[in-house]
Each structure stands twice: as C-alpha cells, then as structure tokens.
N, C-alpha and C. Protein backbone atom coordinates (compact mmCIF):
# COMPACT_ATOMS: atom_id res chain seq x y z
N MET A 1 171.22 83.12 -15.33
CA MET A 1 172.33 82.19 -15.16
C MET A 1 172.25 81.64 -13.75
N HIS A 2 172.44 80.36 -13.65
CA HIS A 2 172.48 79.70 -12.35
C HIS A 2 173.82 79.97 -11.68
N ALA A 3 173.85 79.89 -10.39
CA ALA A 3 175.08 80.12 -9.64
C ALA A 3 176.20 79.17 -10.05
N ASP A 4 175.84 77.98 -10.56
CA ASP A 4 176.86 77.02 -10.97
C ASP A 4 177.35 77.22 -12.40
N GLY A 5 176.84 78.28 -13.08
CA GLY A 5 177.28 78.59 -14.44
C GLY A 5 176.60 77.78 -15.51
N SER A 6 175.53 77.08 -15.19
CA SER A 6 174.88 76.20 -16.16
C SER A 6 173.71 76.87 -16.87
N GLY A 7 173.66 78.20 -16.88
CA GLY A 7 172.56 78.91 -17.52
C GLY A 7 172.53 78.70 -19.02
N ARG A 8 171.40 78.98 -19.64
CA ARG A 8 171.23 78.80 -21.08
C ARG A 8 170.69 80.10 -21.68
N LEU A 9 170.98 80.29 -22.96
CA LEU A 9 170.47 81.45 -23.70
C LEU A 9 169.85 80.93 -24.97
N GLU A 10 168.63 81.33 -25.25
CA GLU A 10 167.95 80.92 -26.47
C GLU A 10 167.70 82.15 -27.32
N LEU A 11 168.12 82.09 -28.57
CA LEU A 11 167.89 83.18 -29.51
C LEU A 11 166.81 82.75 -30.47
N THR A 12 165.91 83.67 -30.82
CA THR A 12 164.78 83.36 -31.69
C THR A 12 164.79 84.28 -32.89
N ARG A 13 164.49 83.72 -34.06
CA ARG A 13 164.31 84.52 -35.26
C ARG A 13 162.96 84.15 -35.85
N TYR A 14 162.13 85.15 -36.10
CA TYR A 14 160.79 84.91 -36.62
C TYR A 14 160.83 84.82 -38.14
N GLU A 15 160.32 83.73 -38.68
CA GLU A 15 160.22 83.55 -40.13
C GLU A 15 158.90 84.16 -40.63
N THR A 16 157.80 83.85 -39.93
CA THR A 16 156.51 84.41 -40.27
C THR A 16 155.75 84.65 -38.97
N PRO A 17 154.92 85.62 -38.86
CA PRO A 17 154.74 86.69 -39.85
C PRO A 17 155.99 87.56 -39.93
N ALA A 18 156.02 88.42 -40.93
CA ALA A 18 157.17 89.30 -41.13
C ALA A 18 157.40 90.16 -39.89
N ALA A 19 158.67 90.39 -39.58
CA ALA A 19 159.02 91.21 -38.42
C ALA A 19 158.56 92.64 -38.62
N LEU A 20 158.19 93.28 -37.53
CA LEU A 20 157.79 94.68 -37.56
C LEU A 20 158.99 95.54 -37.21
N SER A 21 159.10 96.67 -37.85
CA SER A 21 160.19 97.60 -37.53
C SER A 21 159.87 98.34 -36.24
N ALA A 22 160.92 98.66 -35.51
CA ALA A 22 160.74 99.44 -34.29
C ALA A 22 160.39 100.88 -34.66
N ASP A 23 159.63 101.52 -33.82
CA ASP A 23 159.27 102.92 -34.05
C ASP A 23 159.53 103.68 -32.76
N PRO A 24 160.55 104.51 -32.70
CA PRO A 24 161.45 104.93 -33.77
C PRO A 24 162.39 103.80 -34.16
N PRO A 25 163.06 103.92 -35.33
CA PRO A 25 163.92 102.85 -35.82
C PRO A 25 165.05 102.45 -34.87
N SER A 26 165.55 103.35 -34.07
CA SER A 26 166.62 103.05 -33.11
C SER A 26 166.19 103.44 -31.71
N PRO A 27 165.32 102.63 -31.08
CA PRO A 27 164.83 103.00 -29.76
C PRO A 27 165.93 102.99 -28.71
N SER A 28 165.71 103.74 -27.65
CA SER A 28 166.62 103.79 -26.52
C SER A 28 166.66 102.44 -25.83
N PRO A 29 167.79 102.06 -25.21
CA PRO A 29 167.87 100.76 -24.53
C PRO A 29 166.85 100.56 -23.42
N ASN A 30 166.32 101.65 -22.85
CA ASN A 30 165.36 101.50 -21.76
C ASN A 30 163.91 101.59 -22.24
N THR A 31 163.66 101.41 -23.55
CA THR A 31 162.31 101.43 -24.09
C THR A 31 161.51 100.26 -23.52
N LEU A 32 160.33 100.53 -23.02
CA LEU A 32 159.45 99.51 -22.46
C LEU A 32 159.19 98.42 -23.49
N GLY A 33 159.39 97.17 -23.10
CA GLY A 33 159.13 96.03 -23.97
C GLY A 33 160.29 95.63 -24.85
N LEU A 34 161.35 96.40 -24.86
CA LEU A 34 162.51 96.08 -25.68
C LEU A 34 163.34 95.01 -24.97
N HIS A 35 163.66 93.94 -25.67
CA HIS A 35 164.43 92.85 -25.08
C HIS A 35 165.91 93.08 -25.27
N ARG A 36 166.69 92.68 -24.32
CA ARG A 36 168.14 92.78 -24.41
C ARG A 36 168.74 91.70 -23.54
N VAL A 37 170.02 91.47 -23.75
CA VAL A 37 170.72 90.47 -22.97
C VAL A 37 172.04 91.10 -22.52
N MET A 38 172.51 90.73 -21.33
CA MET A 38 173.76 91.27 -20.81
C MET A 38 174.77 90.14 -20.67
N PHE A 39 176.01 90.45 -21.09
CA PHE A 39 177.10 89.50 -20.98
C PHE A 39 178.16 90.04 -20.05
N ALA A 40 178.70 89.18 -19.20
CA ALA A 40 179.85 89.54 -18.36
C ALA A 40 181.09 89.36 -19.23
N VAL A 41 181.96 90.37 -19.25
CA VAL A 41 183.20 90.31 -20.02
C VAL A 41 184.37 90.66 -19.11
N ASP A 42 185.55 90.18 -19.48
CA ASP A 42 186.74 90.46 -18.69
C ASP A 42 187.30 91.85 -18.95
N ASP A 43 187.16 92.34 -20.20
CA ASP A 43 187.71 93.64 -20.60
C ASP A 43 186.72 94.30 -21.55
N ILE A 44 185.95 95.24 -21.04
CA ILE A 44 184.88 95.86 -21.83
C ILE A 44 185.44 96.64 -23.02
N ASP A 45 186.58 97.32 -22.85
CA ASP A 45 187.15 98.10 -23.95
C ASP A 45 187.61 97.19 -25.08
N ASP A 46 188.26 96.09 -24.75
CA ASP A 46 188.70 95.12 -25.75
C ASP A 46 187.51 94.51 -26.47
N THR A 47 186.46 94.17 -25.73
CA THR A 47 185.27 93.57 -26.33
C THR A 47 184.62 94.53 -27.31
N ILE A 48 184.50 95.79 -26.94
CA ILE A 48 183.93 96.80 -27.84
C ILE A 48 184.78 96.91 -29.11
N ALA A 49 186.08 96.97 -28.94
CA ALA A 49 186.99 97.09 -30.10
C ALA A 49 186.84 95.90 -31.05
N ARG A 50 186.64 94.70 -30.51
CA ARG A 50 186.48 93.52 -31.35
C ARG A 50 185.11 93.46 -32.03
N LEU A 51 184.08 94.08 -31.41
CA LEU A 51 182.73 94.04 -31.98
C LEU A 51 182.48 95.14 -33.01
N ARG A 52 183.17 96.26 -32.91
CA ARG A 52 182.95 97.39 -33.84
C ARG A 52 183.10 97.00 -35.30
N PRO A 53 184.14 96.25 -35.70
CA PRO A 53 184.26 95.88 -37.12
C PRO A 53 183.09 95.04 -37.64
N HIS A 54 182.30 94.47 -36.72
CA HIS A 54 181.15 93.66 -37.10
C HIS A 54 179.85 94.47 -37.09
N GLY A 55 179.97 95.79 -36.91
CA GLY A 55 178.80 96.65 -36.98
C GLY A 55 178.22 97.09 -35.66
N ALA A 56 178.82 96.72 -34.54
CA ALA A 56 178.31 97.12 -33.23
C ALA A 56 178.61 98.59 -32.97
N GLN A 57 177.64 99.28 -32.40
CA GLN A 57 177.79 100.70 -32.05
C GLN A 57 177.47 100.88 -30.57
N VAL A 58 178.35 101.57 -29.86
CA VAL A 58 178.10 101.85 -28.44
C VAL A 58 176.99 102.90 -28.35
N LEU A 59 176.01 102.63 -27.51
CA LEU A 59 174.93 103.59 -27.26
C LEU A 59 175.29 104.40 -26.04
N GLY A 60 175.49 105.67 -26.22
CA GLY A 60 175.89 106.51 -25.10
C GLY A 60 177.37 106.31 -24.83
N GLU A 61 177.69 105.96 -23.61
CA GLU A 61 179.09 105.78 -23.23
C GLU A 61 179.21 104.63 -22.24
N VAL A 62 180.43 104.20 -21.99
CA VAL A 62 180.66 103.20 -20.96
C VAL A 62 180.52 103.88 -19.60
N ALA A 63 179.64 103.35 -18.77
CA ALA A 63 179.38 103.95 -17.46
C ALA A 63 180.06 103.12 -16.38
N GLN A 64 180.55 103.81 -15.37
CA GLN A 64 181.16 103.12 -14.24
C GLN A 64 180.28 103.34 -13.02
N TYR A 65 179.96 102.25 -12.33
CA TYR A 65 179.14 102.31 -11.12
C TYR A 65 180.03 102.02 -9.93
N GLU A 66 180.31 103.11 -9.22
CA GLU A 66 181.19 103.06 -8.05
C GLU A 66 182.48 102.35 -8.44
N GLU A 67 182.99 101.51 -7.58
CA GLU A 67 184.20 100.76 -7.89
C GLU A 67 183.86 99.29 -8.15
N SER A 68 182.66 99.06 -8.69
CA SER A 68 182.18 97.69 -8.87
C SER A 68 182.12 97.22 -10.32
N PHE A 69 181.48 98.00 -11.18
CA PHE A 69 181.24 97.57 -12.55
C PHE A 69 181.42 98.69 -13.55
N ARG A 70 181.78 98.31 -14.78
CA ARG A 70 181.71 99.19 -15.95
C ARG A 70 180.67 98.53 -16.85
N LEU A 71 179.73 99.32 -17.35
CA LEU A 71 178.62 98.81 -18.14
C LEU A 71 178.42 99.64 -19.40
N CYS A 72 177.91 99.00 -20.46
CA CYS A 72 177.52 99.75 -21.65
C CYS A 72 176.48 98.97 -22.43
N TYR A 73 175.80 99.68 -23.32
CA TYR A 73 174.87 99.07 -24.27
C TYR A 73 175.46 99.20 -25.65
N LEU A 74 175.29 98.15 -26.45
CA LEU A 74 175.71 98.16 -27.86
C LEU A 74 174.50 97.82 -28.71
N ARG A 75 174.45 98.42 -29.90
CA ARG A 75 173.44 98.04 -30.88
C ARG A 75 174.16 97.29 -31.99
N GLY A 76 173.70 96.09 -32.29
CA GLY A 76 174.30 95.29 -33.35
C GLY A 76 173.75 95.67 -34.70
N PRO A 77 174.29 95.05 -35.77
CA PRO A 77 173.87 95.41 -37.12
C PRO A 77 172.39 95.16 -37.40
N ALA A 78 171.77 94.22 -36.72
CA ALA A 78 170.34 93.96 -36.91
C ALA A 78 169.49 94.79 -35.96
N GLY A 79 170.12 95.71 -35.20
CA GLY A 79 169.38 96.55 -34.27
C GLY A 79 169.23 95.95 -32.88
N ILE A 80 169.72 94.75 -32.68
CA ILE A 80 169.61 94.08 -31.38
C ILE A 80 170.49 94.81 -30.37
N ILE A 81 169.97 95.00 -29.18
CA ILE A 81 170.73 95.67 -28.12
C ILE A 81 171.33 94.61 -27.19
N VAL A 82 172.62 94.77 -26.95
CA VAL A 82 173.36 93.88 -26.07
C VAL A 82 174.02 94.75 -25.00
N ALA A 83 173.98 94.32 -23.77
CA ALA A 83 174.67 95.03 -22.69
C ALA A 83 175.91 94.24 -22.30
N LEU A 84 176.96 94.97 -21.95
CA LEU A 84 178.20 94.37 -21.48
C LEU A 84 178.47 94.85 -20.08
N ALA A 85 178.99 93.97 -19.24
CA ALA A 85 179.34 94.31 -17.87
C ALA A 85 180.71 93.75 -17.54
N GLU A 86 181.57 94.62 -17.03
CA GLU A 86 182.90 94.23 -16.57
C GLU A 86 182.99 94.49 -15.08
N GLN A 87 183.22 93.45 -14.29
CA GLN A 87 183.38 93.62 -12.85
C GLN A 87 184.79 94.14 -12.58
N ILE A 88 184.88 95.25 -11.87
CA ILE A 88 186.19 95.85 -11.62
C ILE A 88 186.55 95.89 -10.14
N GLY A 89 185.63 95.57 -9.29
CA GLY A 89 185.92 95.64 -7.87
C GLY A 89 185.43 94.46 -7.11
C-alpha cells in the first residue's frame, strides 16, 4: 500500500492446470512459499466475529505486540490465509 492509500490488491484464481492441494492440507501460516495478505482493521474481535459465519477459522490466537498492534491469522473456507492487524497504540 502506498502512503497515500492508493494501493491495489489483485486476486488470482487458476482455471488450468488444476490446482494442487497443499501438503499438509492445512499448512502453518509461516510455511515457506505460502502466500497471504494482511488487512488493517479497526476492531479485530468484531472482524473475526463477522467472518466466522462465512467459514473463517482463527489459527492459533490473537497476539498482542507491546502496546502497538493486535494480530492474528485466519484460514478461509478455501484454505486461504488472511492476516488481520489492529493498531492499538
């Protein structure tokens, strides 16, 4: 994201060749080569609550880094990993 907020996000879905399954099926968020994206949110707990009915699962727990940020990883229904960050300080 650019400092002026004009960043872009491109999502890709492969039609062919057929997608390969991850091995293991639910890799850890820090697996080498695994892609993920992080979103800044105003309220991480509210965001998690709104995403759970759509199949999102929190990986591990919400971590707090000093008095600056709360962070977590979520796995979506297609196995995609998304990170959330809430600035608290």
